[in-house]
N, C-alpha and C. Protein backbone atom coordinates (compact mmCIF):
# COMPACT_ATOMS: atom_id res chain seq x y z
N MET A 1 -48.93 25.29 -47.64
CA MET A 1 -47.98 25.43 -46.51
C MET A 1 -48.21 26.79 -45.84
N PRO A 2 -48.33 26.85 -44.48
CA PRO A 2 -48.56 28.11 -43.80
C PRO A 2 -47.47 29.13 -44.11
N SER A 3 -47.89 30.39 -44.16
CA SER A 3 -46.94 31.46 -44.48
C SER A 3 -47.06 32.57 -43.47
N ASP A 4 -45.94 33.24 -43.16
CA ASP A 4 -45.95 34.38 -42.27
C ASP A 4 -46.33 35.67 -42.99
N GLN A 5 -46.43 35.62 -44.31
CA GLN A 5 -46.74 36.82 -45.08
C GLN A 5 -48.23 37.12 -45.00
N PRO A 6 -48.64 38.42 -45.02
CA PRO A 6 -50.06 38.77 -44.97
C PRO A 6 -50.82 38.15 -46.13
N SER A 7 -51.98 37.56 -45.84
CA SER A 7 -52.80 36.97 -46.90
C SER A 7 -53.41 38.07 -47.74
N LYS A 8 -53.48 37.84 -49.06
CA LYS A 8 -54.08 38.82 -49.95
C LYS A 8 -55.04 38.13 -50.91
N THR A 9 -56.07 38.88 -51.31
CA THR A 9 -57.00 38.38 -52.30
C THR A 9 -56.45 38.68 -53.68
N ALA A 10 -57.21 38.24 -54.71
CA ALA A 10 -56.79 38.50 -56.09
C ALA A 10 -56.69 39.99 -56.37
N SER A 11 -57.50 40.79 -55.64
CA SER A 11 -57.47 42.24 -55.86
C SER A 11 -56.29 42.90 -55.15
N GLY A 12 -55.56 42.14 -54.33
CA GLY A 12 -54.40 42.68 -53.64
C GLY A 12 -54.68 43.20 -52.24
N SER A 13 -55.93 43.13 -51.77
CA SER A 13 -56.27 43.62 -50.43
C SER A 13 -55.75 42.66 -49.38
N SER A 14 -55.11 43.19 -48.36
CA SER A 14 -54.61 42.34 -47.28
C SER A 14 -55.76 41.97 -46.34
N ASP A 15 -55.51 40.96 -45.50
CA ASP A 15 -56.52 40.58 -44.51
C ASP A 15 -56.90 41.77 -43.65
N ARG A 16 -55.91 42.55 -43.24
CA ARG A 16 -56.19 43.69 -42.36
C ARG A 16 -57.07 44.72 -43.08
N GLU A 17 -56.76 45.00 -44.33
CA GLU A 17 -57.58 45.96 -45.09
C GLU A 17 -59.00 45.46 -45.26
N GLN A 18 -59.14 44.16 -45.54
CA GLN A 18 -60.48 43.60 -45.69
C GLN A 18 -61.26 43.66 -44.39
N LEU A 19 -60.60 43.35 -43.27
CA LEU A 19 -61.28 43.39 -41.99
C LEU A 19 -61.64 44.83 -41.61
N ARG A 20 -60.76 45.75 -41.85
CA ARG A 20 -61.05 47.16 -41.57
C ARG A 20 -62.29 47.61 -42.34
N ASP A 21 -62.34 47.28 -43.62
CA ASP A 21 -63.47 47.71 -44.44
C ASP A 21 -64.76 47.03 -44.00
N LEU A 22 -64.67 45.76 -43.61
CA LEU A 22 -65.84 45.03 -43.15
C LEU A 22 -66.37 45.63 -41.85
N LEU A 23 -65.47 45.95 -40.92
CA LEU A 23 -65.87 46.57 -39.67
C LEU A 23 -66.48 47.95 -39.92
N TYR A 24 -65.90 48.68 -40.84
CA TYR A 24 -66.42 50.01 -41.14
C TYR A 24 -67.83 49.93 -41.72
N ARG A 25 -68.05 49.01 -42.63
CA ARG A 25 -69.36 48.90 -43.28
C ARG A 25 -70.42 48.32 -42.36
N GLN A 26 -70.05 47.31 -41.58
CA GLN A 26 -71.06 46.57 -40.83
C GLN A 26 -71.15 46.94 -39.35
N SER A 27 -70.07 47.45 -38.78
CA SER A 27 -70.02 47.62 -37.32
C SER A 27 -69.96 49.06 -36.85
N PHE A 28 -69.41 49.95 -37.66
CA PHE A 28 -69.15 51.31 -37.21
C PHE A 28 -70.35 52.22 -37.50
N ARG A 29 -70.77 52.99 -36.49
CA ARG A 29 -71.83 53.97 -36.64
C ARG A 29 -71.37 55.26 -35.99
N HIS A 30 -71.73 56.40 -36.59
CA HIS A 30 -71.38 57.68 -35.96
C HIS A 30 -72.49 58.68 -36.18
N SER A 31 -72.51 59.69 -35.31
CA SER A 31 -73.55 60.71 -35.33
C SER A 31 -72.93 62.05 -34.96
N ASP A 32 -73.59 63.14 -35.35
CA ASP A 32 -73.09 64.47 -34.99
C ASP A 32 -73.28 64.75 -33.51
N GLN A 33 -74.22 64.03 -32.89
CA GLN A 33 -74.50 64.21 -31.47
C GLN A 33 -74.24 62.91 -30.72
N PRO A 34 -73.98 62.99 -29.40
CA PRO A 34 -73.78 61.76 -28.62
C PRO A 34 -75.07 60.94 -28.57
N ALA A 35 -75.21 59.97 -29.46
CA ALA A 35 -76.46 59.22 -29.61
C ALA A 35 -76.34 57.77 -29.15
N PHE A 36 -75.12 57.31 -28.82
CA PHE A 36 -74.91 55.90 -28.51
C PHE A 36 -74.47 55.73 -27.06
N LYS A 37 -75.21 54.90 -26.32
CA LYS A 37 -74.87 54.64 -24.93
C LYS A 37 -73.93 53.46 -24.85
N LEU A 38 -72.80 53.64 -24.21
CA LEU A 38 -71.79 52.59 -24.09
C LEU A 38 -72.03 51.75 -22.84
N THR A 39 -71.32 50.63 -22.75
CA THR A 39 -71.43 49.76 -21.59
C THR A 39 -71.09 50.52 -20.31
N SER A 40 -70.17 51.46 -20.41
CA SER A 40 -69.75 52.26 -19.25
C SER A 40 -70.83 53.23 -18.79
N GLY A 41 -71.88 53.41 -19.61
CA GLY A 41 -72.92 54.38 -19.30
C GLY A 41 -72.71 55.72 -19.98
N GLN A 42 -71.54 55.94 -20.51
CA GLN A 42 -71.24 57.18 -21.22
C GLN A 42 -71.98 57.23 -22.55
N MET A 43 -72.26 58.44 -23.00
CA MET A 43 -72.84 58.65 -24.32
C MET A 43 -71.72 59.02 -25.29
N SER A 44 -71.82 58.51 -26.51
CA SER A 44 -70.76 58.72 -27.49
C SER A 44 -71.34 59.08 -28.85
N ARG A 45 -70.52 59.74 -29.65
CA ARG A 45 -70.92 60.09 -31.02
C ARG A 45 -70.67 58.94 -31.99
N TYR A 46 -69.98 57.89 -31.52
CA TYR A 46 -69.72 56.76 -32.41
C TYR A 46 -69.78 55.45 -31.63
N TYR A 47 -69.99 54.39 -32.37
CA TYR A 47 -70.20 53.08 -31.77
C TYR A 47 -69.66 52.02 -32.72
N VAL A 48 -69.05 50.98 -32.15
CA VAL A 48 -68.53 49.87 -32.96
C VAL A 48 -69.12 48.57 -32.42
N ASP A 49 -70.05 47.99 -33.17
CA ASP A 49 -70.68 46.72 -32.78
C ASP A 49 -69.95 45.59 -33.50
N CYS A 50 -68.86 45.14 -32.91
CA CYS A 50 -68.00 44.15 -33.57
C CYS A 50 -68.67 42.80 -33.79
N LYS A 51 -69.72 42.50 -33.03
CA LYS A 51 -70.36 41.18 -33.18
C LYS A 51 -70.93 40.98 -34.57
N LYS A 52 -71.28 42.06 -35.24
CA LYS A 52 -71.78 41.93 -36.62
C LYS A 52 -70.71 41.37 -37.55
N VAL A 53 -69.46 41.50 -37.16
CA VAL A 53 -68.35 40.99 -37.97
C VAL A 53 -67.74 39.73 -37.36
N THR A 54 -67.61 39.67 -36.04
CA THR A 54 -67.02 38.48 -35.43
C THR A 54 -67.88 37.25 -35.64
N LEU A 55 -69.19 37.44 -35.85
CA LEU A 55 -70.10 36.33 -36.10
C LEU A 55 -70.37 36.12 -37.58
N ASP A 56 -69.70 36.87 -38.42
CA ASP A 56 -69.82 36.75 -39.87
C ASP A 56 -68.77 35.75 -40.37
N PRO A 57 -69.09 34.85 -41.30
CA PRO A 57 -68.11 33.85 -41.74
C PRO A 57 -66.80 34.45 -42.25
N LYS A 58 -66.90 35.46 -43.12
CA LYS A 58 -65.68 36.08 -43.63
C LYS A 58 -64.95 36.82 -42.52
N GLY A 59 -65.71 37.54 -41.69
CA GLY A 59 -65.09 38.28 -40.60
C GLY A 59 -64.34 37.36 -39.65
N ALA A 60 -64.97 36.23 -39.32
CA ALA A 60 -64.32 35.28 -38.41
C ALA A 60 -63.03 34.72 -39.01
N ALA A 61 -63.05 34.43 -40.32
CA ALA A 61 -61.85 33.91 -40.98
C ALA A 61 -60.72 34.92 -40.95
N LEU A 62 -61.05 36.17 -41.23
CA LEU A 62 -60.03 37.24 -41.22
C LEU A 62 -59.47 37.45 -39.82
N ILE A 63 -60.36 37.50 -38.83
CA ILE A 63 -59.94 37.70 -37.45
C ILE A 63 -59.06 36.54 -36.99
N GLY A 64 -59.48 35.33 -37.31
CA GLY A 64 -58.70 34.16 -36.90
C GLY A 64 -57.27 34.23 -37.41
N ARG A 65 -57.11 34.57 -38.69
CA ARG A 65 -55.75 34.64 -39.26
C ARG A 65 -54.95 35.79 -38.67
N LEU A 66 -55.57 36.96 -38.56
CA LEU A 66 -54.83 38.14 -38.10
C LEU A 66 -54.38 37.99 -36.65
N VAL A 67 -55.27 37.54 -35.79
CA VAL A 67 -54.90 37.41 -34.38
C VAL A 67 -53.92 36.25 -34.19
N PHE A 68 -54.15 35.13 -34.87
CA PHE A 68 -53.22 34.01 -34.74
C PHE A 68 -51.81 34.42 -35.16
N ASN A 69 -51.67 35.13 -36.25
CA ASN A 69 -50.35 35.56 -36.71
C ASN A 69 -49.67 36.49 -35.71
N ARG A 70 -50.47 37.23 -34.93
CA ARG A 70 -49.90 38.12 -33.92
C ARG A 70 -49.39 37.37 -32.71
N ILE A 71 -50.02 36.26 -32.38
CA ILE A 71 -49.71 35.63 -31.10
C ILE A 71 -48.99 34.29 -31.21
N LYS A 72 -48.87 33.75 -32.41
CA LYS A 72 -48.35 32.38 -32.52
C LYS A 72 -46.94 32.22 -31.96
N SER A 73 -46.12 33.26 -32.06
CA SER A 73 -44.75 33.15 -31.53
C SER A 73 -44.73 33.11 -30.01
N LEU A 74 -45.82 33.52 -29.36
CA LEU A 74 -45.89 33.50 -27.89
C LEU A 74 -46.17 32.10 -27.35
N ARG A 75 -46.66 31.22 -28.21
CA ARG A 75 -46.97 29.84 -27.83
C ARG A 75 -47.95 29.77 -26.64
N PRO A 76 -49.08 30.45 -26.72
CA PRO A 76 -50.05 30.37 -25.62
C PRO A 76 -50.69 29.00 -25.54
N GLN A 77 -51.17 28.67 -24.37
CA GLN A 77 -51.89 27.40 -24.15
C GLN A 77 -53.38 27.63 -23.97
N GLY A 78 -53.83 28.83 -24.25
CA GLY A 78 -55.25 29.13 -24.18
C GLY A 78 -55.51 30.53 -24.70
N ILE A 79 -56.72 30.76 -25.22
CA ILE A 79 -57.11 32.08 -25.70
C ILE A 79 -58.58 32.29 -25.40
N GLY A 80 -58.91 33.45 -24.86
CA GLY A 80 -60.30 33.73 -24.52
C GLY A 80 -60.42 35.03 -23.77
N GLY A 81 -61.61 35.25 -23.22
CA GLY A 81 -61.87 36.48 -22.48
C GLY A 81 -63.25 36.43 -21.87
N LEU A 82 -63.70 37.60 -21.42
CA LEU A 82 -65.00 37.69 -20.76
C LEU A 82 -66.11 37.56 -21.80
N THR A 83 -67.06 36.65 -21.53
CA THR A 83 -68.18 36.49 -22.43
C THR A 83 -68.99 37.81 -22.49
N LEU A 84 -69.42 38.24 -23.60
CA LEU A 84 -69.75 37.57 -24.82
C LEU A 84 -68.85 38.02 -25.97
N GLY A 85 -68.32 39.23 -25.85
CA GLY A 85 -67.58 39.80 -26.97
C GLY A 85 -66.36 39.00 -27.39
N ALA A 86 -65.69 38.37 -26.40
CA ALA A 86 -64.46 37.65 -26.70
C ALA A 86 -64.70 36.29 -27.32
N ASP A 87 -65.89 35.71 -27.10
CA ASP A 87 -66.12 34.30 -27.45
C ASP A 87 -65.90 33.98 -28.92
N PRO A 88 -66.54 34.70 -29.87
CA PRO A 88 -66.32 34.34 -31.28
C PRO A 88 -64.89 34.61 -31.75
N ILE A 89 -64.22 35.58 -31.15
CA ILE A 89 -62.83 35.85 -31.51
C ILE A 89 -61.95 34.68 -31.09
N ALA A 90 -62.13 34.23 -29.86
CA ALA A 90 -61.32 33.12 -29.35
C ALA A 90 -61.54 31.86 -30.18
N LEU A 91 -62.79 31.59 -30.54
CA LEU A 91 -63.07 30.38 -31.32
C LEU A 91 -62.48 30.49 -32.72
N ALA A 92 -62.56 31.68 -33.34
CA ALA A 92 -61.98 31.87 -34.68
C ALA A 92 -60.48 31.61 -34.66
N VAL A 93 -59.80 32.09 -33.61
CA VAL A 93 -58.36 31.88 -33.50
C VAL A 93 -58.05 30.41 -33.23
N ALA A 94 -58.86 29.77 -32.39
CA ALA A 94 -58.64 28.35 -32.08
C ALA A 94 -58.73 27.50 -33.34
N VAL A 95 -59.75 27.75 -34.18
CA VAL A 95 -59.91 26.99 -35.42
C VAL A 95 -58.73 27.24 -36.35
N THR A 96 -58.36 28.50 -36.51
CA THR A 96 -57.22 28.85 -37.37
C THR A 96 -55.95 28.17 -36.87
N SER A 97 -55.74 28.21 -35.56
CA SER A 97 -54.52 27.62 -35.00
C SER A 97 -54.44 26.12 -35.27
N TYR A 98 -55.57 25.45 -35.24
CA TYR A 98 -55.58 24.02 -35.54
C TYR A 98 -55.22 23.78 -37.00
N LEU A 99 -55.81 24.57 -37.89
CA LEU A 99 -55.52 24.42 -39.32
C LEU A 99 -54.06 24.73 -39.64
N GLU A 100 -53.44 25.57 -38.82
CA GLU A 100 -52.04 25.95 -39.03
C GLU A 100 -51.07 25.02 -38.30
N GLY A 101 -51.61 24.00 -37.63
CA GLY A 101 -50.75 23.02 -36.97
C GLY A 101 -50.20 23.45 -35.63
N GLN A 102 -50.79 24.49 -35.02
CA GLN A 102 -50.34 24.95 -33.71
C GLN A 102 -51.58 25.23 -32.85
N PRO A 103 -52.31 24.18 -32.48
CA PRO A 103 -53.61 24.37 -31.84
C PRO A 103 -53.55 25.11 -30.51
N ILE A 104 -54.43 26.10 -30.37
CA ILE A 104 -54.57 26.89 -29.14
C ILE A 104 -56.01 26.73 -28.67
N PRO A 105 -56.26 26.07 -27.55
CA PRO A 105 -57.63 25.89 -27.07
C PRO A 105 -58.27 27.23 -26.68
N ALA A 106 -59.56 27.34 -26.97
CA ALA A 106 -60.32 28.52 -26.56
C ALA A 106 -60.93 28.28 -25.18
N PHE A 107 -61.15 29.37 -24.44
CA PHE A 107 -61.86 29.29 -23.17
C PHE A 107 -62.81 30.48 -23.07
N ILE A 108 -63.79 30.36 -22.19
CA ILE A 108 -64.78 31.41 -21.95
C ILE A 108 -64.78 31.74 -20.46
N ILE A 109 -64.74 33.02 -20.14
CA ILE A 109 -64.85 33.45 -18.75
C ILE A 109 -66.27 33.95 -18.51
N ARG A 110 -66.96 33.31 -17.59
CA ARG A 110 -68.33 33.70 -17.27
C ARG A 110 -68.36 35.02 -16.50
N LYS A 111 -69.49 35.73 -16.59
CA LYS A 111 -69.67 36.94 -15.78
C LYS A 111 -70.09 36.58 -14.36
N GLU A 112 -70.69 35.39 -14.21
CA GLU A 112 -71.03 34.83 -12.90
C GLU A 112 -70.67 33.35 -12.94
N PRO A 113 -70.34 32.76 -11.80
CA PRO A 113 -69.99 31.33 -11.81
C PRO A 113 -71.19 30.48 -12.21
N LYS A 114 -70.92 29.34 -12.81
CA LYS A 114 -71.98 28.41 -13.18
C LYS A 114 -72.84 28.11 -11.96
N GLY A 115 -74.15 28.09 -12.16
CA GLY A 115 -75.07 27.95 -11.04
C GLY A 115 -75.26 26.54 -10.55
N HIS A 116 -74.60 25.56 -11.16
CA HIS A 116 -74.75 24.18 -10.74
C HIS A 116 -73.46 23.42 -11.04
N GLY A 117 -73.39 22.18 -10.63
CA GLY A 117 -72.23 21.35 -10.93
C GLY A 117 -70.95 21.91 -10.33
N SER A 118 -69.98 22.21 -11.20
CA SER A 118 -68.66 22.65 -10.74
C SER A 118 -68.63 24.09 -10.27
N ARG A 119 -69.69 24.86 -10.59
CA ARG A 119 -69.72 26.30 -10.27
C ARG A 119 -68.49 27.02 -10.81
N ALA A 120 -68.06 26.60 -11.97
CA ALA A 120 -66.83 27.14 -12.57
C ALA A 120 -67.05 28.55 -13.13
N TRP A 121 -66.01 29.36 -13.06
CA TRP A 121 -65.97 30.66 -13.72
C TRP A 121 -65.49 30.53 -15.16
N ILE A 122 -64.62 29.57 -15.42
CA ILE A 122 -63.98 29.44 -16.72
C ILE A 122 -64.43 28.15 -17.39
N GLU A 123 -64.93 28.27 -18.62
CA GLU A 123 -65.35 27.11 -19.40
C GLU A 123 -64.27 26.78 -20.43
N GLY A 124 -64.01 25.49 -20.61
CA GLY A 124 -62.99 25.06 -21.55
C GLY A 124 -61.92 24.24 -20.85
N ASN A 125 -60.95 23.78 -21.62
CA ASN A 125 -59.89 22.94 -21.07
C ASN A 125 -58.66 23.79 -20.76
N LEU A 126 -58.81 24.67 -19.78
CA LEU A 126 -57.72 25.57 -19.41
C LEU A 126 -57.07 25.10 -18.12
N SER A 127 -55.81 24.71 -18.21
CA SER A 127 -55.08 24.22 -17.04
C SER A 127 -54.70 25.38 -16.13
N GLU A 128 -54.68 25.11 -14.83
CA GLU A 128 -54.20 26.13 -13.89
C GLU A 128 -52.76 26.47 -14.22
N GLY A 129 -52.46 27.77 -14.21
CA GLY A 129 -51.10 28.23 -14.47
C GLY A 129 -50.73 28.34 -15.94
N ALA A 130 -51.66 28.07 -16.85
CA ALA A 130 -51.34 28.10 -18.28
C ALA A 130 -51.04 29.53 -18.74
N PRO A 131 -50.08 29.69 -19.68
CA PRO A 131 -49.86 30.99 -20.31
C PRO A 131 -50.95 31.23 -21.34
N VAL A 132 -51.59 32.39 -21.29
CA VAL A 132 -52.76 32.63 -22.13
C VAL A 132 -52.72 34.01 -22.79
N VAL A 133 -53.54 34.13 -23.83
CA VAL A 133 -53.80 35.41 -24.48
C VAL A 133 -55.26 35.78 -24.22
N VAL A 134 -55.49 37.00 -23.79
CA VAL A 134 -56.84 37.51 -23.56
C VAL A 134 -57.27 38.30 -24.80
N VAL A 135 -58.49 38.06 -25.26
CA VAL A 135 -59.00 38.80 -26.41
C VAL A 135 -60.23 39.60 -26.01
N GLU A 136 -60.46 40.67 -26.76
CA GLU A 136 -61.59 41.58 -26.51
C GLU A 136 -62.01 42.15 -27.85
N ASP A 137 -63.31 42.43 -28.02
CA ASP A 137 -63.72 43.05 -29.28
C ASP A 137 -63.43 44.54 -29.27
N VAL A 138 -63.96 45.27 -28.29
CA VAL A 138 -63.72 46.71 -28.20
C VAL A 138 -63.24 47.06 -26.80
N VAL A 139 -62.16 47.81 -26.71
CA VAL A 139 -61.67 48.31 -25.42
C VAL A 139 -62.02 49.77 -25.29
N THR A 140 -62.75 50.12 -24.24
CA THR A 140 -63.07 51.53 -23.96
C THR A 140 -62.37 51.92 -22.67
N THR A 141 -62.97 51.60 -21.53
CA THR A 141 -62.32 51.88 -20.25
C THR A 141 -61.43 50.72 -19.81
N GLY A 142 -61.62 49.55 -20.44
CA GLY A 142 -60.83 48.37 -20.07
C GLY A 142 -61.44 47.54 -18.96
N GLY A 143 -62.65 47.93 -18.50
CA GLY A 143 -63.26 47.26 -17.35
C GLY A 143 -63.48 45.76 -17.54
N SER A 144 -64.06 45.36 -18.68
CA SER A 144 -64.34 43.93 -18.89
C SER A 144 -63.05 43.15 -19.07
N THR A 145 -62.06 43.76 -19.70
CA THR A 145 -60.77 43.08 -19.87
C THR A 145 -60.08 42.87 -18.53
N LEU A 146 -60.15 43.86 -17.66
CA LEU A 146 -59.54 43.73 -16.34
C LEU A 146 -60.22 42.66 -15.51
N LYS A 147 -61.54 42.50 -15.66
CA LYS A 147 -62.25 41.42 -14.97
C LYS A 147 -61.73 40.06 -15.44
N ALA A 148 -61.53 39.95 -16.75
CA ALA A 148 -61.00 38.70 -17.30
C ALA A 148 -59.59 38.43 -16.79
N ILE A 149 -58.77 39.45 -16.76
CA ILE A 149 -57.39 39.31 -16.28
C ILE A 149 -57.38 38.87 -14.81
N ASP A 150 -58.23 39.49 -13.99
CA ASP A 150 -58.27 39.14 -12.57
C ASP A 150 -58.71 37.68 -12.38
N ARG A 151 -59.70 37.26 -13.16
CA ARG A 151 -60.20 35.89 -13.03
C ARG A 151 -59.12 34.89 -13.45
N LEU A 152 -58.39 35.21 -14.51
CA LEU A 152 -57.32 34.32 -14.98
C LEU A 152 -56.16 34.27 -14.00
N LYS A 153 -55.81 35.40 -13.41
CA LYS A 153 -54.74 35.41 -12.42
C LYS A 153 -55.14 34.58 -11.20
N ALA A 154 -56.43 34.61 -10.84
CA ALA A 154 -56.90 33.79 -9.73
C ALA A 154 -56.79 32.31 -10.06
N HIS A 155 -56.78 31.99 -11.36
CA HIS A 155 -56.62 30.62 -11.83
C HIS A 155 -55.14 30.26 -11.99
N GLY A 156 -54.28 31.22 -11.65
CA GLY A 156 -52.84 30.98 -11.73
C GLY A 156 -52.24 31.21 -13.10
N CYS A 157 -53.03 31.73 -14.03
CA CYS A 157 -52.56 31.88 -15.42
C CYS A 157 -51.62 33.07 -15.58
N ARG A 158 -50.74 32.96 -16.56
CA ARG A 158 -49.84 34.04 -16.92
C ARG A 158 -50.36 34.69 -18.20
N ILE A 159 -50.59 36.00 -18.14
CA ILE A 159 -51.16 36.73 -19.29
C ILE A 159 -50.02 37.13 -20.21
N LEU A 160 -49.96 36.52 -21.37
CA LEU A 160 -48.89 36.81 -22.33
C LEU A 160 -49.16 38.11 -23.10
N ARG A 161 -50.43 38.35 -23.40
CA ARG A 161 -50.81 39.50 -24.22
C ARG A 161 -52.32 39.70 -24.15
N VAL A 162 -52.75 40.93 -24.30
CA VAL A 162 -54.17 41.22 -24.53
C VAL A 162 -54.28 41.74 -25.96
N VAL A 163 -55.19 41.15 -26.74
CA VAL A 163 -55.38 41.58 -28.13
C VAL A 163 -56.83 42.01 -28.31
N ALA A 164 -57.03 43.24 -28.75
CA ALA A 164 -58.36 43.77 -29.01
C ALA A 164 -58.53 44.04 -30.50
N LEU A 165 -59.75 43.91 -30.98
CA LEU A 165 -60.00 44.31 -32.36
C LEU A 165 -59.92 45.82 -32.50
N VAL A 166 -60.58 46.54 -31.58
CA VAL A 166 -60.65 48.00 -31.67
C VAL A 166 -60.36 48.63 -30.32
N ASP A 167 -59.47 49.58 -30.30
CA ASP A 167 -59.18 50.40 -29.12
C ASP A 167 -59.85 51.76 -29.33
N ARG A 168 -60.82 52.09 -28.46
CA ARG A 168 -61.50 53.39 -28.58
C ARG A 168 -60.64 54.54 -28.08
N GLN A 169 -59.49 54.25 -27.52
CA GLN A 169 -58.54 55.28 -27.06
C GLN A 169 -59.17 56.19 -26.00
N GLU A 170 -59.82 55.56 -25.03
CA GLU A 170 -60.49 56.31 -23.97
C GLU A 170 -60.06 55.84 -22.59
N GLY A 171 -58.79 55.47 -22.46
CA GLY A 171 -58.25 55.12 -21.16
C GLY A 171 -58.09 53.64 -20.90
N GLY A 172 -58.69 52.80 -21.76
CA GLY A 172 -58.60 51.36 -21.54
C GLY A 172 -57.19 50.82 -21.64
N ARG A 173 -56.45 51.28 -22.63
CA ARG A 173 -55.06 50.82 -22.79
C ARG A 173 -54.24 51.12 -21.54
N GLU A 174 -54.37 52.32 -21.05
CA GLU A 174 -53.59 52.72 -19.87
C GLU A 174 -53.97 51.87 -18.65
N ALA A 175 -55.28 51.59 -18.50
CA ALA A 175 -55.73 50.79 -17.35
C ALA A 175 -55.21 49.36 -17.45
N ILE A 176 -55.24 48.80 -18.64
CA ILE A 176 -54.77 47.42 -18.84
C ILE A 176 -53.27 47.34 -18.62
N GLU A 177 -52.54 48.30 -19.15
CA GLU A 177 -51.09 48.27 -18.99
C GLU A 177 -50.68 48.55 -17.54
N ALA A 178 -51.52 49.30 -16.81
CA ALA A 178 -51.24 49.53 -15.39
C ALA A 178 -51.36 48.24 -14.58
N SER A 179 -52.11 47.26 -15.13
CA SER A 179 -52.25 45.97 -14.45
C SER A 179 -51.07 45.05 -14.75
N GLY A 180 -50.15 45.53 -15.59
CA GLY A 180 -48.97 44.74 -15.92
C GLY A 180 -49.08 43.95 -17.20
N CYS A 181 -50.13 44.17 -17.99
CA CYS A 181 -50.34 43.44 -19.24
C CYS A 181 -50.09 44.33 -20.45
N ILE A 182 -49.71 43.71 -21.55
CA ILE A 182 -49.48 44.43 -22.80
C ILE A 182 -50.73 44.33 -23.67
N LEU A 183 -51.20 45.47 -24.16
CA LEU A 183 -52.36 45.49 -25.06
C LEU A 183 -51.91 45.79 -26.48
N GLU A 184 -52.37 44.96 -27.41
CA GLU A 184 -52.23 45.24 -28.83
C GLU A 184 -53.63 45.32 -29.42
N SER A 185 -53.85 46.25 -30.34
CA SER A 185 -55.14 46.32 -31.01
C SER A 185 -54.93 46.28 -32.52
N LEU A 186 -55.84 45.61 -33.21
CA LEU A 186 -55.74 45.57 -34.67
C LEU A 186 -56.06 46.94 -35.25
N PHE A 187 -56.97 47.66 -34.60
CA PHE A 187 -57.39 48.97 -35.08
C PHE A 187 -57.64 49.89 -33.89
N THR A 188 -57.62 51.19 -34.16
CA THR A 188 -58.12 52.18 -33.21
C THR A 188 -59.35 52.82 -33.83
N VAL A 189 -60.12 53.51 -33.00
CA VAL A 189 -61.34 54.14 -33.52
C VAL A 189 -61.00 55.19 -34.57
N ASP A 190 -59.80 55.76 -34.49
CA ASP A 190 -59.40 56.76 -35.48
C ASP A 190 -59.34 56.18 -36.90
N ASP A 191 -59.06 54.87 -37.02
CA ASP A 191 -59.06 54.24 -38.34
C ASP A 191 -60.42 54.39 -39.01
N PHE A 192 -61.49 54.26 -38.23
CA PHE A 192 -62.84 54.31 -38.79
C PHE A 192 -63.34 55.74 -38.91
N LEU A 193 -62.98 56.59 -37.95
CA LEU A 193 -63.33 58.01 -38.06
C LEU A 193 -62.69 58.62 -39.30
N SER A 194 -61.45 58.19 -39.59
CA SER A 194 -60.77 58.68 -40.79
C SER A 194 -61.51 58.28 -42.06
N LEU A 195 -61.97 57.02 -42.11
CA LEU A 195 -62.73 56.57 -43.28
C LEU A 195 -64.03 57.35 -43.42
N ALA A 196 -64.61 57.74 -42.27
CA ALA A 196 -65.87 58.49 -42.30
C ALA A 196 -65.66 59.97 -42.55
N GLY A 197 -64.39 60.41 -42.53
CA GLY A 197 -64.10 61.82 -42.77
C GLY A 197 -64.41 62.72 -41.61
N VAL A 198 -64.42 62.15 -40.38
CA VAL A 198 -64.66 62.95 -39.19
C VAL A 198 -63.49 62.76 -38.23
N SER A 199 -63.38 63.64 -37.25
CA SER A 199 -62.26 63.56 -36.32
C SER A 199 -62.75 63.63 -34.89
N ARG A 200 -61.88 63.24 -33.98
CA ARG A 200 -62.18 63.26 -32.55
C ARG A 200 -61.63 64.54 -31.96
N PRO A 201 -62.46 65.40 -31.34
CA PRO A 201 -61.90 66.55 -30.61
C PRO A 201 -60.97 66.04 -29.52
N PRO A 202 -59.74 66.53 -29.43
CA PRO A 202 -58.77 66.01 -28.48
C PRO A 202 -59.25 65.99 -27.03
N SER A 203 -60.01 67.00 -26.63
CA SER A 203 -60.45 67.08 -25.23
C SER A 203 -61.77 66.37 -24.98
N HIS A 204 -62.38 65.83 -26.06
CA HIS A 204 -63.66 65.15 -25.93
C HIS A 204 -63.62 63.86 -26.74
N PRO A 205 -63.06 62.78 -26.16
CA PRO A 205 -62.87 61.54 -26.90
C PRO A 205 -64.15 60.93 -27.44
N ALA A 206 -65.31 61.17 -26.79
CA ALA A 206 -66.56 60.59 -27.28
C ALA A 206 -67.20 61.47 -28.32
């Protein structure tokens, strides 16, 4: 029978703790110098490649449960975001939601409209005007999330929540909330910097 209580393994680790450790081991990288180029073009001392975990069987199961438990009370009629980072997250939640008896269809927002047929921007069974949850793997400036929000609003959808796996705390939250949407993140980059024993200079987020 489904439970609202956090899932735990025999060792007592919660889903969130397991996902944090998995992301830290498989996705998080840091350097003493700005060695990683971000999508924004900025150079950073750390990088989180969430796809190594969102495409992992255990990672997908953990993400599906954690995100579903966050959004199930909102009763969304769709979940997705801008391809590619959002896709495995949306599908993991969709599968979990079905197993929990509250199915939430996944959708994919293209970066360009389909080049043939319907020329659709959005793939999936998403009705116009549906209340939806937008997902993202990593939020930095919020640019890709805002593109997804704009495309969904053009489809008449109501954005119930934006859920990210990791918030890099570099202005993305503020930009998303300025658009009128609420952002929740499972983790911030400080969670992983803390595990690595390093800190972020306040005036230099990267």
